[in-house]
Amino acid sequence: MLTDTILEDDRWARADLPGLAERAAGAVLSHLGIETEHEIAVLGCDDARIAELNAQFRDKPTPTNVLSWPSEDLSAEDPGGDPLEPEMEELGDIAIAFETCEREADEQGKPMADHVTHLIVHAVLHLLGYDHVRDADATVMESLEVVILGKMGLPDPYRESDGPQSL
């Protein structure tokens, strides 16, 4: 298995986070031509726990939808450039908060599974060195997300919807 999912919040079991995470992470690596001998730890938690993690690692003591911690820095040096290939077996860790994801999915009129899948794809791309700080990098990352999700049969998450987008 590519992902090792730890559920601190039982609602994630009903939402099938382990299955969604495995499928999304596999789709990212497959699309990028990266062999799947890597591992990703996924923590399914609640807003209180992710707020603690966000405060600890980003000095932002508020809930967020998803956080990621890459095992190595694979960032591209040039805006819009390709990140480096991963060398370590462990790609990194992801934490995802149930209440925030559920609220965002409701606000955006999306199925929870689609929104969670998008967030896992987004987080795995972060583990692989993709970012959205610079405009050129954001364009590359968002384009990859759209293509990967499309291959999974899911709609473009950046297409106009009834609610706000947040990542």
Protein backbone atom coordinates (compact mmCIF):
# COMPACT_ATOMS: atom_id res chain seq x y z
CA MET A 1 0.00 0.00 0.00
CA LEU A 2 1.13 3.48 -0.86
CA THR A 3 -0.72 5.20 1.98
CA ASP A 4 -0.83 4.40 5.68
CA THR A 5 -3.96 6.07 7.04
CA ILE A 6 -4.46 6.76 10.74
CA LEU A 7 -8.00 7.73 11.75
CA GLU A 8 -8.21 9.91 14.85
CA ASP A 9 -11.82 10.80 13.97
CA ASP A 10 -14.24 7.92 13.30
CA ARG A 11 -16.19 9.95 10.75
CA TRP A 12 -13.27 9.42 8.34
CA ALA A 13 -13.93 5.65 8.36
CA ARG A 14 -17.50 6.27 7.14
CA ALA A 15 -16.10 8.63 4.48
CA ASP A 16 -13.60 5.91 3.42
CA LEU A 17 -10.54 8.13 3.82
CA PRO A 18 -8.19 5.13 3.51
CA GLY A 19 -9.65 4.23 0.10
CA LEU A 20 -9.83 7.82 -1.12
CA ALA A 21 -6.25 8.53 -0.04
CA GLU A 22 -4.85 5.39 -1.66
CA ARG A 23 -6.65 6.06 -4.94
CA ALA A 24 -5.72 9.76 -5.06
CA ALA A 25 -2.06 9.23 -4.14
CA GLY A 26 -1.75 6.40 -6.66
CA ALA A 27 -3.28 8.57 -9.39
CA VAL A 28 -0.75 11.35 -8.73
CA LEU A 29 2.27 9.05 -8.82
CA SER A 30 0.96 7.23 -11.88
CA HIS A 31 0.36 10.45 -13.78
CA LEU A 32 3.85 11.72 -12.95
CA GLY A 33 5.50 8.39 -13.83
CA ILE A 34 6.80 7.86 -10.30
CA GLU A 35 7.07 4.28 -9.10
CA THR A 36 4.76 3.44 -6.21
CA GLU A 37 7.34 1.96 -3.86
CA HIS A 38 6.99 5.16 -1.84
CA GLU A 39 4.95 5.65 1.33
CA ILE A 40 2.70 8.45 2.54
CA ALA A 41 1.24 8.75 6.05
CA VAL A 42 -2.27 10.23 6.14
CA LEU A 43 -3.90 11.44 9.36
CA GLY A 44 -7.69 11.79 9.34
CA CYS A 45 -8.44 14.18 12.19
CA ASP A 46 -10.88 16.84 13.31
CA ASP A 47 -10.68 20.64 13.25
CA ALA A 48 -9.31 20.87 16.80
CA ARG A 49 -6.37 18.60 15.99
CA ILE A 50 -5.53 20.26 12.68
CA ALA A 51 -5.69 23.68 14.39
CA GLU A 52 -3.04 22.40 16.84
CA LEU A 53 -0.87 21.19 13.97
CA ASN A 54 -1.39 24.41 12.03
CA ALA A 55 -0.35 26.42 15.09
CA GLN A 56 2.67 24.21 15.77
CA PHE A 57 4.03 24.16 12.23
CA ARG A 58 2.70 27.33 10.59
CA ASP A 59 1.99 29.68 13.53
CA LYS A 60 -1.66 29.79 12.44
CA PRO A 61 -3.83 28.53 15.34
CA THR A 62 -6.92 27.95 13.20
CA PRO A 63 -8.37 24.93 11.42
CA THR A 64 -7.53 24.36 7.77
CA ASN A 65 -8.58 21.65 5.34
CA VAL A 66 -5.28 19.87 4.70
CA LEU A 67 -1.63 20.12 5.73
CA SER A 68 1.37 18.33 4.27
CA TRP A 69 4.95 17.76 5.40
CA PRO A 70 7.35 16.49 2.72
CA SER A 71 10.20 14.23 3.78
CA GLU A 72 12.58 16.05 1.44
CA ASP A 73 12.59 19.36 -0.41
CA LEU A 74 11.86 18.61 -4.05
CA SER A 75 10.88 22.16 -5.04
CA ALA A 76 11.72 23.47 -8.49
CA GLU A 77 14.23 26.30 -8.50
CA ASP A 78 12.67 28.13 -11.44
CA PRO A 79 9.05 29.35 -11.44
CA GLY A 80 6.90 26.82 -13.28
CA GLY A 81 9.74 24.29 -13.37
CA ASP A 82 9.55 20.61 -12.59
CA PRO A 83 10.35 19.48 -9.05
CA LEU A 84 13.14 16.98 -8.43
CA GLU A 85 12.51 13.24 -8.38
CA PRO A 86 11.98 11.80 -4.88
CA GLU A 87 14.88 9.75 -3.53
CA MET A 88 13.47 8.73 -0.16
CA GLU A 89 10.95 5.91 0.27
CA GLU A 90 8.85 8.01 2.67
CA LEU A 91 7.36 10.94 0.72
CA GLY A 92 5.92 12.64 3.80
CA ASP A 93 2.83 13.15 5.91
CA ILE A 94 -0.63 14.57 5.29
CA ALA A 95 -3.28 15.64 7.82
CA ILE A 96 -6.86 16.35 6.78
CA ALA A 97 -9.69 17.79 8.94
CA PHE A 98 -13.19 16.37 8.74
CA GLU A 99 -15.33 19.37 9.73
CA THR A 100 -13.54 21.81 7.42
CA CYS A 101 -13.69 19.39 4.48
CA GLU A 102 -17.37 18.68 5.09
CA ARG A 103 -18.21 22.38 5.36
CA GLU A 104 -16.25 23.26 2.21
CA ALA A 105 -17.86 20.45 0.24
CA ASP A 106 -21.31 21.63 1.34
CA GLU A 107 -20.51 25.28 0.52
CA GLN A 108 -19.19 24.29 -2.91
CA GLY A 109 -22.06 21.90 -3.65
CA LYS A 110 -19.67 18.97 -4.13
CA PRO A 111 -19.77 15.40 -2.91
CA MET A 112 -17.49 15.04 0.12
CA ALA A 113 -15.55 12.21 -1.58
CA ASP A 114 -14.74 14.44 -4.59
CA HIS A 115 -13.53 17.29 -2.38
CA VAL A 116 -11.41 15.01 -0.18
CA THR A 117 -9.91 13.35 -3.26
CA HIS A 118 -8.96 16.78 -4.62
CA LEU A 119 -7.36 17.77 -1.31
CA ILE A 120 -5.33 14.54 -1.17
CA VAL A 121 -4.16 15.03 -4.78
CA HIS A 122 -3.22 18.62 -3.83
CA ALA A 123 -1.34 17.50 -0.72
CA VAL A 124 0.54 14.70 -2.54
CA LEU A 125 1.67 17.23 -5.15
CA HIS A 126 3.01 19.36 -2.27
CA LEU A 127 4.92 16.31 -0.97
CA LEU A 128 6.46 16.01 -4.44
CA GLY A 129 7.68 19.61 -4.48
CA TYR A 130 4.83 21.39 -6.23
CA ASP A 131 3.65 24.66 -4.75
CA HIS A 132 1.32 27.56 -5.47
CA VAL A 133 3.16 30.51 -3.90
CA ARG A 134 4.35 31.94 -7.22
CA ASP A 135 1.80 32.41 -10.02
CA ALA A 136 3.74 30.26 -12.50
CA ASP A 137 3.96 27.42 -9.96
CA ALA A 138 0.26 27.74 -9.10
CA THR A 139 -0.64 27.41 -12.77
CA VAL A 140 1.44 24.23 -13.10
CA MET A 141 0.06 22.73 -9.89
CA GLU A 142 -3.58 23.54 -10.60
CA SER A 143 -3.27 22.22 -14.17
CA LEU A 144 -1.87 18.94 -12.85
CA GLU A 145 -4.69 18.66 -10.33
CA VAL A 146 -7.31 19.17 -13.05
CA VAL A 147 -5.73 16.56 -15.35
CA ILE A 148 -5.23 13.98 -12.57
CA LEU A 149 -8.75 14.43 -11.24
CA GLY A 150 -10.11 14.26 -14.79
CA LYS A 151 -8.37 10.91 -15.30
CA MET A 152 -10.11 9.79 -12.10
CA GLY A 153 -13.47 10.83 -13.55
CA LEU A 154 -13.82 13.88 -11.31
CA PRO A 155 -14.70 17.42 -12.39
CA ASP A 156 -12.38 20.44 -12.47
CA PRO A 157 -12.31 21.69 -8.85
CA TYR A 158 -11.43 25.22 -9.98
CA ARG A 159 -14.41 25.60 -12.27
CA GLU A 160 -16.92 28.21 -11.16
CA SER A 161 -19.23 26.85 -8.44
CA ASP A 162 -21.80 28.18 -6.01
CA GLY A 163 -19.35 28.49 -3.12
CA PRO A 164 -15.84 29.75 -2.43
CA GLN A 165 -12.75 27.67 -3.13
CA SER A 166 -10.09 27.31 -0.48
CA LEU A 167 -6.78 25.49 -0.33
